[in-house]
Amino acid sequence: MGKNEAALRNTGPTSWNKHATKHRGWPVWKGRKLIGRMTGAALRGLLVALLIATPALLLPDVAVDSSQITVLVALLAAFLTFVEYNSNLPSIVEFRDAPPFNRLRFASLFFTVFMLSAIIKGQSDPTVLTGALTSIGTIIGNAIDFPFSPVRLIVLMLPENSDAEVVRSVRTSAGLAYLISLIAMTAFLVLVRVLGWPSRQGAFNVWVNLPLFDPTAGGDVLYRLQRDARINIALGFLLPFIIPAVVKGAADLIDPITLNNPQTLIWTISAWAFLPASMIMRGIAMGKVADMIEDKRRRTYANAEAEAGFQTA
């Protein structure tokens, strides 16, 4: 009896400690994960706000009204980014769990906006950095400025009475922005074809990373992914040519676009270079996902046929 009572006394507190330790560790782990997700979402929101505010921060003589609107838009974008990345499942942002797809797109847009802002700033406050960026943009812009090229079309988009300095600034900015977009697309293509994105990142959930893609809309999922990939790549190649042509054609119906305002110039050129590159990258990513699904189907069918042959034998 004495040994049994002693064993009960020793076993009771030990089992209680194990039970308490188990239930104390779960909320701590969950809290750390929650804090980590909130911190990452807040950092991403801050970076998006910094991206939007970059031209207003770098350019001199920015109007007060323009600064207030920029701050408002930056805060709104930061809040939306925080809400999106703080949720367990994405609602709008694609490939959220397949880095570095969105990081590469953000970096290309940020560097485009920053470098164009630096070039515009260098016109009134020249430095070594602004001079180097202006020289690179001028070389690239002049090299790409041939008939029917995207740079030539965006220069022709300007009104006929545009100042020569504005035309030169547009050509330089377009050349540098186009170079950054080409570098981003090449880097992503290397990630997909050489480094095996996204299979090397671990398990890839198609429906989580493509929240805007409805698998129940009808038709084979593989065919729809391949079709969307081709459409995105085709539109990405055509948009740099289509956008200036549409703007030039609409100049007869509405006031022609003017790029005399530095911030208008920066955001117009950035969107003209970033949107096509982003669509091409999205098309490449969806094509890669379609290839992964096709390979998985092929392996599944091969295993099923092998099992059926084994059972028959």
Foldseek 3Di string as FASTA:
>chain_A
DVVVVVVVVVVVVVVVVVVVVVVVVVVVVVVVVLVVQLVVQLVVLVLQLCLLCQLVVLAPPDDPVVNVVSNVVSNVSSVVSSVQSSDPFHAPAFCPVFPDLVVLLSVLLSVLLNLLSLCNRCVPVNDPSNVVLQVQLQVQLVVQCDPLGLLVLLLVLADPPDDPVLSSSLSSSLRSSQVSLVVSLVVLVCCVPPVPPPVVVDDDDNCRNCVVDDCPPDDHPLVVLLVLLVVLLVCLVCQSNVVSVVLSVCCVVDPRDDPPDSVVSSVVSSCSNSSSSSSNSVSVVSNSVSVVVVVVVVVVVVVVVVVVVVVVD
